[in-house]
C-alpha cells in the first residue's frame, strides 16, 4: 500500500521519538495498523488520519 510522502515522514518522526526499547515492537504495529485504517476507509493511500487513529489504538492506557 502506498503512503502519502508527508505521512510517511511523520511516521518516521513518531517512531524516532519513541523510546528505543519499544521501537522494535511499536514500529511494525503502527505501520500495519495505519494501513489497516486506510483499508477500512477504502483509501488508496495512507493518510494522516490513518496514522493518528492507529497510534491512539495501539497506545496502552
PDB file of N, CA and C in Angstrom:
ATOM      1  N   UNK A   1       0.842  -1.175   0.000  1.00  0.00           N
ATOM      2  CA  UNK A   1       0.000   0.000   0.000  1.00  0.00           C
ATOM      3  C   UNK A   1       0.888   1.240   0.000  1.00  0.00           C
ATOM      4  N   UNK A   2       0.448   2.253  -0.700  1.00  0.00           N
ATOM      5  CA  UNK A   2       1.221   3.490  -0.780  1.00  0.00           C
ATOM      6  C   UNK A   2       0.897   4.412   0.388  1.00  0.00           C
ATOM      7  N   UNK A   3       1.875   5.229   0.731  1.00  0.00           N
ATOM      8  CA  UNK A   3       1.725   6.221   1.788  1.00  0.00           C
ATOM      9  C   UNK A   3       1.919   7.607   1.181  1.00  0.00           C
ATOM     10  N   UNK A   4       1.151   8.579   1.663  1.00  0.00           N
ATOM     11  CA  UNK A   4       1.409   9.963   1.276  1.00  0.00           C
ATOM     12  C   UNK A   4       2.794  10.307   1.816  1.00  0.00           C
ATOM     13  N   UNK A   5       3.649  10.948   1.007  1.00  0.00           N
ATOM     14  CA  UNK A   5       5.032  11.208   1.444  1.00  0.00           C
ATOM     15  C   UNK A   5       5.130  11.929   2.787  1.00  0.00           C
ATOM     16  N   UNK A   6       4.285  12.918   3.013  1.00  0.00           N
ATOM     17  CA  UNK A   6       4.359  13.662   4.273  1.00  0.00           C
ATOM     18  C   UNK A   6       3.906  12.805   5.454  1.00  0.00           C
ATOM     19  N   UNK A   7       3.029  11.853   5.208  1.00  0.00           N
ATOM     20  CA  UNK A   7       2.565  10.957   6.270  1.00  0.00           C
ATOM     21  C   UNK A   7       3.659   9.950   6.605  1.00  0.00           C
ATOM     22  N   UNK A   8       4.366   9.461   5.609  1.00  0.00           N
ATOM     23  CA  UNK A   8       5.487   8.538   5.841  1.00  0.00           C
ATOM     24  C   UNK A   8       6.573   9.246   6.648  1.00  0.00           C
ATOM     25  N   UNK A   9       6.808  10.507   6.332  1.00  0.00           N
ATOM     26  CA  UNK A   9       7.789  11.298   7.073  1.00  0.00           C
ATOM     27  C   UNK A   9       7.344  11.481   8.529  1.00  0.00           C
ATOM     28  N   UNK A  10       6.073  11.735   8.736  1.00  0.00           N
ATOM     29  CA  UNK A  10       5.528  11.868  10.087  1.00  0.00           C
ATOM     30  C   UNK A  10       5.656  10.550  10.849  1.00  0.00           C
ATOM     31  N   UNK A  11       5.367   9.442  10.177  1.00  0.00           N
ATOM     32  CA  UNK A  11       5.519   8.110  10.779  1.00  0.00           C
ATOM     33  C   UNK A  11       6.958   7.916  11.270  1.00  0.00           C
ATOM     34  N   UNK A  12       7.919   8.249  10.411  1.00  0.00           N
ATOM     35  CA  UNK A  12       9.329   8.095  10.788  1.00  0.00           C
ATOM     36  C   UNK A  12       9.679   8.957  11.998  1.00  0.00           C
ATOM     37  N   UNK A  13       9.165  10.180  12.045  1.00  0.00           N
ATOM     38  CA  UNK A  13       9.433  11.075  13.178  1.00  0.00           C
ATOM     39  C   UNK A  13       8.812  10.535  14.464  1.00  0.00           C
ATOM     40  N   UNK A  14       7.594  10.043  14.365  1.00  0.00           N
ATOM     41  CA  UNK A  14       6.912   9.494  15.545  1.00  0.00           C
ATOM     42  C   UNK A  14       7.708   8.317  16.101  1.00  0.00           C
ATOM     43  N   UNK A  15       8.144   7.444  15.224  1.00  0.00           N
ATOM     44  CA  UNK A  15       8.897   6.264  15.657  1.00  0.00           C
ATOM     45  C   UNK A  15      10.225   6.677  16.290  1.00  0.00           C
ATOM     46  N   UNK A  16      10.901   7.659  15.706  1.00  0.00           N
ATOM     47  CA  UNK A  16      12.181   8.106  16.261  1.00  0.00           C
ATOM     48  C   UNK A  16      12.032   8.729  17.643  1.00  0.00           C
ATOM     49  N   UNK A  17      10.879   9.294  17.931  1.00  0.00           N
ATOM     50  CA  UNK A  17      10.653   9.921  19.233  1.00  0.00           C
ATOM     51  C   UNK A  17      10.210   8.934  20.308  1.00  0.00           C
ATOM     52  N   UNK A  18      10.036   7.687  19.938  1.00  0.00           N
ATOM     53  CA  UNK A  18       9.662   6.662  20.916  1.00  0.00           C
ATOM     54  C   UNK A  18      10.919   6.121  21.595  1.00  0.00           C
ATOM     55  N   UNK A  19      10.787   5.654  22.823  1.00  0.00           N
ATOM     56  CA  UNK A  19      11.942   5.048  23.496  1.00  0.00           C
ATOM     57  C   UNK A  19      12.488   3.870  22.675  1.00  0.00           C
ATOM     58  N   UNK A  20      13.806   3.765  22.631  1.00  0.00           N
ATOM     59  CA  UNK A  20      14.452   2.722  21.827  1.00  0.00           C
ATOM     60  C   UNK A  20      13.998   1.317  22.187  1.00  0.00           C
ATOM     61  N   UNK A  21      13.669   1.101  23.437  1.00  0.00           N
ATOM     62  CA  UNK A  21      13.289  -0.245  23.872  1.00  0.00           C
ATOM     63  C   UNK A  21      11.978  -0.715  23.246  1.00  0.00           C
ATOM     64  N   UNK A  22      11.071   0.211  22.957  1.00  0.00           N
ATOM     65  CA  UNK A  22       9.772  -0.192  22.417  1.00  0.00           C
ATOM     66  C   UNK A  22       9.683  -0.068  20.895  1.00  0.00           C
ATOM     67  N   UNK A  23      10.646   0.591  20.274  1.00  0.00           N
ATOM     68  CA  UNK A  23      10.598   0.781  18.817  1.00  0.00           C
ATOM     69  C   UNK A  23      10.434  -0.504  18.024  1.00  0.00           C
ATOM     70  N   UNK A  24      11.188  -1.565  18.332  1.00  0.00           N
ATOM     71  CA  UNK A  24      11.041  -2.787  17.524  1.00  0.00           C
ATOM     72  C   UNK A  24       9.638  -3.387  17.572  1.00  0.00           C
ATOM     73  N   UNK A  25       8.911  -3.121  18.636  1.00  0.00           N
ATOM     74  CA  UNK A  25       7.551  -3.644  18.767  1.00  0.00           C
ATOM     75  C   UNK A  25       6.541  -2.687  18.139  1.00  0.00           C
ATOM     76  N   UNK A  26       6.690  -1.413  18.442  1.00  0.00           N
ATOM     77  CA  UNK A  26       5.712  -0.407  18.024  1.00  0.00           C
ATOM     78  C   UNK A  26       5.799  -0.097  16.534  1.00  0.00           C
ATOM     79  N   UNK A  27       7.007  -0.022  15.994  1.00  0.00           N
ATOM     80  CA  UNK A  27       7.176   0.390  14.589  1.00  0.00           C
ATOM     81  C   UNK A  27       6.356  -0.458  13.618  1.00  0.00           C
ATOM     82  N   UNK A  28       6.495  -1.782  13.616  1.00  0.00           N
ATOM     83  CA  UNK A  28       5.694  -2.568  12.672  1.00  0.00           C
ATOM     84  C   UNK A  28       4.201  -2.568  13.014  1.00  0.00           C
ATOM     85  N   UNK A  29       3.895  -2.505  14.293  1.00  0.00           N
ATOM     86  CA  UNK A  29       2.494  -2.499  14.717  1.00  0.00           C
ATOM     87  C   UNK A  29       1.794  -1.225  14.242  1.00  0.00           C
ATOM     88  N   UNK A  30       2.459  -0.092  14.377  1.00  0.00           N
ATOM     89  CA  UNK A  30       1.896   1.178  13.932  1.00  0.00           C
ATOM     90  C   UNK A  30       1.745   1.193  12.414  1.00  0.00           C
ATOM     91  N   UNK A  31       2.749   0.686  11.720  1.00  0.00           N
ATOM     92  CA  UNK A  31       2.719   0.627  10.252  1.00  0.00           C
ATOM     93  C   UNK A  31       1.532  -0.203   9.767  1.00  0.00           C
ATOM     94  N   UNK A  32       1.389  -1.391  10.323  1.00  0.00           N
ATOM     95  CA  UNK A  32       0.302  -2.291   9.914  1.00  0.00           C
ATOM     96  C   UNK A  32      -1.072  -1.720  10.257  1.00  0.00           C
ATOM     97  N   UNK A  33      -1.199  -1.136  11.439  1.00  0.00           N
ATOM     98  CA  UNK A  33      -2.494  -0.587  11.839  1.00  0.00           C
ATOM     99  C   UNK A  33      -2.873   0.635  11.014  1.00  0.00           C
ATOM    100  N   UNK A  34      -1.900   1.447  10.631  1.00  0.00           N
ATOM    101  CA  UNK A  34      -2.193   2.609   9.782  1.00  0.00           C
ATOM    102  C   UNK A  34      -2.709   2.140   8.424  1.00  0.00           C
ATOM    103  N   UNK A  35      -2.082   1.103   7.868  1.00  0.00           N
ATOM    104  CA  UNK A  35      -2.550   0.570   6.588  1.00  0.00           C
ATOM    105  C   UNK A  35      -3.937  -0.062   6.735  1.00  0.00           C
ATOM    106  N   UNK A  36      -4.179  -0.695   7.860  1.00  0.00           N
ATOM    107  CA  UNK A  36      -5.494  -1.292   8.122  1.00  0.00           C
ATOM    108  C   UNK A  36      -6.576  -0.212   8.177  1.00  0.00           C
ATOM    109  N   UNK A  37      -6.273   0.899   8.838  1.00  0.00           N
ATOM    110  CA  UNK A  37      -7.225   2.010   8.920  1.00  0.00           C
ATOM    111  C   UNK A  37      -7.521   2.562   7.527  1.00  0.00           C
ATOM    112  N   UNK A  38      -6.504   2.640   6.697  1.00  0.00           N
ATOM    113  CA  UNK A  38      -6.687   3.117   5.326  1.00  0.00           C
ATOM    114  C   UNK A  38      -7.618   2.180   4.557  1.00  0.00           C
ATOM    115  N   UNK A  39      -7.408   0.892   4.710  1.00  0.00           N
ATOM    116  CA  UNK A  39      -8.261  -0.092   4.034  1.00  0.00           C
ATOM    117  C   UNK A  39      -9.700   0.001   4.528  1.00  0.00           C
ATOM    118  N   UNK A  40      -9.868   0.215   5.829  1.00  0.00           N
ATOM    119  CA  UNK A  40     -11.209   0.307   6.406  1.00  0.00           C
ATOM    120  C   UNK A  40     -11.995   1.484   5.837  1.00  0.00           C
ATOM    121  N   UNK A  41     -11.294   2.563   5.529  1.00  0.00           N
ATOM    122  CA  UNK A  41     -11.989   3.720   4.960  1.00  0.00           C
ATOM    123  C   UNK A  41     -11.943   3.702   3.430  1.00  0.00           C
ATOM    124  N   UNK A  42     -11.452   2.591   2.888  1.00  0.00           N
ATOM    125  CA  UNK A  42     -11.355   2.371   1.449  1.00  0.00           C
ATOM    126  C   UNK A  42     -10.481   3.418   0.751  1.00  0.00           C
ATOM    127  N   UNK A  43      -9.400   3.804   1.427  1.00  0.00           N
ATOM    128  CA  UNK A  43      -8.463   4.773   0.864  1.00  0.00           C
ATOM    129  C   UNK A  43      -7.460   4.098  -0.053  1.00  0.00           C
ATOM    130  N   UNK A  44      -6.854   4.903  -0.898  1.00  0.00           N
ATOM    131  CA  UNK A  44      -5.833   4.385  -1.812  1.00  0.00           C
ATOM    132  C   UNK A  44      -4.429   4.618  -1.276  1.00  0.00           C
ATOM    133  N   UNK A  45      -4.292   5.634  -0.428  1.00  0.00           N
ATOM    134  CA  UNK A  45      -3.004   5.955   0.181  1.00  0.00           C
ATOM    135  C   UNK A  45      -3.221   6.211   1.666  1.00  0.00           C
ATOM    136  N   UNK A  46      -2.249   5.811   2.467  1.00  0.00           N
ATOM    137  CA  UNK A  46      -2.333   6.046   3.907  1.00  0.00           C
ATOM    138  C   UNK A  46      -2.261   7.554   4.148  1.00  0.00           C
ATOM    139  N   UNK A  47      -3.246   8.070   4.868  1.00  0.00           N
ATOM    140  CA  UNK A  47      -3.333   9.497   5.168  1.00  0.00           C
ATOM    141  C   UNK A  47      -3.003   9.739   6.639  1.00  0.00           C
ATOM    142  N   UNK A  48      -2.856  11.001   6.980  1.00  0.00           N
ATOM    143  CA  UNK A  48      -2.512  11.375   8.350  1.00  0.00           C
ATOM    144  C   UNK A  48      -3.541  10.849   9.352  1.00  0.00           C
ATOM    145  N   UNK A  49      -4.803  10.895   8.988  1.00  0.00           N
ATOM    146  CA  UNK A  49      -5.855  10.415   9.892  1.00  0.00           C
ATOM    147  C   UNK A  49      -5.665   8.928  10.205  1.00  0.00           C
ATOM    148  N   UNK A  50      -5.232   8.155   9.234  1.00  0.00           N
ATOM    149  CA  UNK A  50      -4.997   6.721   9.449  1.00  0.00           C
ATOM    150  C   UNK A  50      -3.882   6.512  10.465  1.00  0.00           C
ATOM    151  N   UNK A  51      -2.810   7.269  10.312  1.00  0.00           N
ATOM    152  CA  UNK A  51      -1.667   7.150  11.213  1.00  0.00           C
ATOM    153  C   UNK A  51      -2.045   7.564  12.637  1.00  0.00           C
ATOM    154  N   UNK A  52      -2.751   8.666  12.770  1.00  0.00           N
ATOM    155  CA  UNK A  52      -3.113   9.165  14.099  1.00  0.00           C
ATOM    156  C   UNK A  52      -4.066   8.205  14.811  1.00  0.00           C
ATOM    157  N   UNK A  53      -5.069   7.732  14.104  1.00  0.00           N
ATOM    158  CA  UNK A  53      -6.019   6.789  14.710  1.00  0.00           C
ATOM    159  C   UNK A  53      -5.292   5.505  15.108  1.00  0.00           C
ATOM    160  N   UNK A  54      -4.410   5.020  14.246  1.00  0.00           N
ATOM    161  CA  UNK A  54      -3.644   3.807  14.551  1.00  0.00           C
ATOM    162  C   UNK A  54      -2.774   4.011  15.788  1.00  0.00           C
ATOM    163  N   UNK A  55      -2.164   5.176  15.899  1.00  0.00           N
ATOM    164  CA  UNK A  55      -1.312   5.472  17.047  1.00  0.00           C
ATOM    165  C   UNK A  55      -2.116   5.437  18.347  1.00  0.00           C
ATOM    166  N   UNK A  56      -3.292   6.042  18.335  1.00  0.00           N
ATOM    167  CA  UNK A  56      -4.127   6.020  19.537  1.00  0.00           C
ATOM    168  C   UNK A  56      -4.602   4.606  19.857  1.00  0.00           C
ATOM    169  N   UNK A  57      -4.881   3.819  18.843  1.00  0.00           N
ATOM    170  CA  UNK A  57      -5.380   2.462  19.082  1.00  0.00           C
ATOM    171  C   UNK A  57      -4.321   1.531  19.661  1.00  0.00           C
ATOM    172  N   UNK A  58      -3.064   1.719  19.284  1.00  0.00           N
ATOM    173  CA  UNK A  58      -2.026   0.816  19.793  1.00  0.00           C
ATOM    174  C   UNK A  58      -1.403   1.305  21.096  1.00  0.00           C
ATOM    175  N   UNK A  59      -1.710   2.537  21.493  1.00  0.00           N
ATOM    176  CA  UNK A  59      -1.147   3.080  22.726  1.00  0.00           C
ATOM    177  C   UNK A  59      -1.882   2.489  23.926  1.00  0.00           C
ATOM    178  N   UNK A  60      -1.139   1.846  24.835  1.00  0.00           N
ATOM    179  CA  UNK A  60      -1.796   1.275  26.015  1.00  0.00           C
ATOM    180  C   UNK A  60      -2.323   2.378  26.934  1.00  0.00           C
ATOM    181  N   UNK A  61      -3.382   2.062  27.632  1.00  0.00           N
ATOM    182  CA  UNK A  61      -3.971   3.059  28.546  1.00  0.00           C
ATOM    183  C   UNK A  61      -3.499   2.860  29.959  1.00  0.00           C
TER     184      UNK A  61
END
